[in-house]
Amino acid sequence: MLKHTELEPRFVKGVPRELEPGVLYVSMEYATVVHGCCCGCGLEVVTQLSPTHWELNFDGEAISLWPSVGNWNLPCRSHYVVRKNKVLEAEPWSQSRVRAAQHREQEARDRYYGQPRTPTPPAPAALPISKPAPARRRSYSFSWFTDLFK
């Protein structure tokens, strides 16, 4: 359940240290939008504006952000869309759906910026744990060495 269902846009040069609840701070200079999480947990949510991240639409009165704001790294894991200053709650996502979306977004950024994605090596499979072999006592013959000094 969202505590804040409407956000008041404020265009600022820099974001204040203390965020006012229900305010969407927009810094065009830093291409960033910041607000307190709409669930009411009070944590800071930062959305970076760019062709491969979020897109901001301002019609002279109201702001919309796209795509949705998914706070997957916050304890609340809130998910919502900001459309014409209104906050619309979106369905929760599973961790696998979040990872798949993050993978697609990374690929889109790599295509946009012309950088090939370095594939992440798969995690090694768990190896069965076996008992170590018993230690063997080794004996060495140094007779060849002592023969050198005869």
Protein backbone atom coordinates (compact mmCIF):
# COMPACT_ATOMS: atom_id res chain seq x y z
CA MET A 1 0.00 0.00 0.00
CA LEU A 2 1.36 3.39 -0.97
CA LYS A 3 1.32 6.24 1.51
CA HIS A 4 1.90 8.92 -1.13
CA THR A 5 -0.45 8.77 -4.11
CA GLU A 6 0.46 12.15 -5.56
CA LEU A 7 3.80 13.93 -5.99
CA GLU A 8 4.40 17.65 -6.28
CA PRO A 9 7.15 18.37 -8.84
CA ARG A 10 9.89 20.86 -7.89
CA PHE A 11 12.57 21.82 -10.34
CA VAL A 12 15.81 22.34 -8.46
CA LYS A 13 19.48 22.78 -9.25
CA GLY A 14 20.57 20.50 -6.41
CA VAL A 15 18.61 18.09 -4.26
CA PRO A 16 18.18 19.11 -0.60
CA ARG A 17 19.64 16.92 2.15
CA GLU A 18 16.22 16.51 3.78
CA LEU A 19 13.55 15.31 1.36
CA GLU A 20 10.05 16.59 1.88
CA PRO A 21 7.49 13.74 1.69
CA GLY A 22 5.35 13.85 -1.44
CA VAL A 23 7.78 16.04 -3.40
CA LEU A 24 9.46 14.98 -6.64
CA TYR A 25 12.73 16.90 -6.98
CA VAL A 26 13.82 17.30 -10.61
CA SER A 27 17.36 18.42 -11.38
CA MET A 28 17.72 18.97 -15.12
CA GLU A 29 21.34 20.03 -14.59
CA TYR A 30 22.17 16.59 -13.18
CA ALA A 31 19.52 14.71 -15.23
CA THR A 32 18.18 13.21 -12.02
CA VAL A 33 14.84 12.89 -10.26
CA VAL A 34 14.82 12.25 -6.49
CA HIS A 35 11.98 11.62 -4.05
CA GLY A 36 11.21 9.87 -0.82
CA CYS A 37 9.84 6.38 -1.47
CA CYS A 38 6.09 6.56 -2.03
CA CYS A 39 5.45 3.62 0.32
CA GLY A 40 6.30 5.95 3.20
CA CYS A 41 9.46 4.16 4.37
CA GLY A 42 11.31 7.47 3.98
CA LEU A 43 14.22 6.10 1.95
CA GLU A 44 15.61 8.11 -0.93
CA VAL A 45 14.76 7.02 -4.48
CA VAL A 46 17.01 8.30 -7.28
CA THR A 47 16.03 7.93 -10.93
CA GLN A 48 18.62 8.84 -13.54
CA LEU A 49 17.28 10.46 -16.68
CA SER A 50 18.87 9.21 -19.88
CA PRO A 51 17.88 7.49 -23.12
CA THR A 52 18.60 4.13 -21.47
CA HIS A 53 17.25 4.73 -17.95
CA TRP A 54 14.20 6.83 -17.09
CA GLU A 55 12.35 9.29 -19.26
CA LEU A 56 10.64 12.38 -17.84
CA ASN A 57 7.66 14.07 -19.45
CA PHE A 58 6.62 17.51 -18.22
CA ASP A 59 3.53 18.99 -19.89
CA GLY A 60 3.81 22.38 -18.16
CA GLU A 61 1.77 21.26 -15.17
CA ALA A 62 2.42 17.62 -14.38
CA ILE A 63 5.28 15.13 -14.54
CA SER A 64 5.33 11.53 -15.69
CA LEU A 65 8.24 9.09 -15.32
CA TRP A 66 8.73 6.01 -17.45
CA PRO A 67 9.44 3.16 -16.95
CA SER A 68 8.02 2.26 -13.57
CA VAL A 69 9.99 2.86 -10.39
CA GLY A 70 10.95 -0.50 -8.93
CA ASN A 71 12.72 -0.13 -5.60
CA TRP A 72 14.20 -3.63 -5.70
CA ASN A 73 17.18 -2.73 -3.50
CA LEU A 74 15.09 -1.19 -0.74
CA PRO A 75 13.60 -3.28 2.07
CA CYS A 76 10.06 -2.26 1.02
CA ARG A 77 10.56 -3.38 -2.63
CA SER A 78 7.80 -0.94 -3.63
CA HIS A 79 6.86 -0.66 -7.30
CA TYR A 80 4.90 2.16 -8.89
CA VAL A 81 4.42 4.42 -11.90
CA VAL A 82 4.38 8.23 -11.78
CA ARG A 83 1.86 9.54 -14.30
CA LYS A 84 0.75 13.18 -14.33
CA ASN A 85 1.90 13.62 -10.69
CA LYS A 86 -0.22 10.64 -9.61
CA VAL A 87 1.46 7.56 -8.12
CA LEU A 88 -0.06 4.34 -9.40
CA GLU A 89 0.87 1.20 -7.51
CA ALA A 90 2.22 -1.58 -9.73
CA GLU A 91 2.36 -5.31 -9.11
CA PRO A 92 5.26 -6.74 -7.12
CA TRP A 93 7.97 -8.55 -9.09
CA SER A 94 9.76 -11.78 -8.27
CA GLN A 95 13.54 -11.72 -7.97
CA SER A 96 13.89 -13.69 -11.23
CA ARG A 97 11.72 -11.15 -13.07
CA VAL A 98 13.83 -8.30 -11.64
CA ARG A 99 17.07 -10.01 -12.77
CA ALA A 100 15.66 -10.62 -16.26
CA ALA A 101 14.62 -6.96 -16.59
CA GLN A 102 18.02 -5.75 -15.33
CA HIS A 103 19.72 -8.00 -17.89
CA ARG A 104 17.56 -6.57 -20.74
CA GLU A 105 18.24 -3.02 -19.54
CA GLN A 106 22.00 -3.65 -19.46
CA GLU A 107 21.88 -5.04 -23.00
CA ALA A 108 19.93 -1.97 -24.15
CA ARG A 109 22.53 0.33 -22.57
CA ASP A 110 25.35 -1.61 -24.21
CA ARG A 111 23.66 -1.34 -27.62
CA TYR A 112 22.97 2.37 -27.15
CA TYR A 113 26.50 3.22 -26.05
CA GLY A 114 28.10 0.76 -28.48
CA GLN A 115 29.82 -1.33 -25.84
CA PRO A 116 29.61 -5.08 -26.03
CA ARG A 117 28.47 -6.72 -22.85
CA THR A 118 31.11 -8.81 -21.18
CA PRO A 119 29.42 -12.10 -20.45
CA THR A 120 29.37 -13.03 -16.82
CA PRO A 121 30.90 -16.46 -16.35
CA PRO A 122 28.45 -18.96 -14.92
CA ALA A 123 28.80 -19.75 -11.27
CA PRO A 124 30.79 -22.93 -10.72
CA ALA A 125 28.74 -25.97 -9.89
CA ALA A 126 29.06 -27.17 -6.36
CA LEU A 127 31.61 -29.93 -6.14
CA PRO A 128 30.99 -32.87 -3.87
CA ILE A 129 33.10 -32.79 -0.77
CA SER A 130 35.26 -35.87 -0.45
CA LYS A 131 37.55 -36.99 2.30
CA PRO A 132 41.13 -35.98 1.74
CA ALA A 133 43.51 -38.78 0.91
CA PRO A 134 45.54 -39.93 3.92
CA ALA A 135 48.94 -38.30 4.14
CA ARG A 136 51.75 -40.54 2.92
CA ARG A 137 55.16 -40.45 4.44
CA ARG A 138 57.72 -39.92 1.77
CA SER A 139 61.30 -40.99 2.00
CA TYR A 140 63.99 -39.54 -0.16
CA SER A 141 67.38 -40.95 -0.87
CA PHE A 142 70.23 -38.47 -0.84
CA SER A 143 72.93 -41.01 -1.58
CA TRP A 144 73.65 -39.41 -4.94
CA PHE A 145 74.29 -36.14 -3.13
CA THR A 146 76.68 -37.64 -0.60
CA ASP A 147 78.50 -39.47 -3.41
CA LEU A 148 79.48 -36.06 -4.79
CA PHE A 149 81.67 -35.37 -1.78
CA LYS A 150 83.56 -38.71 -1.64
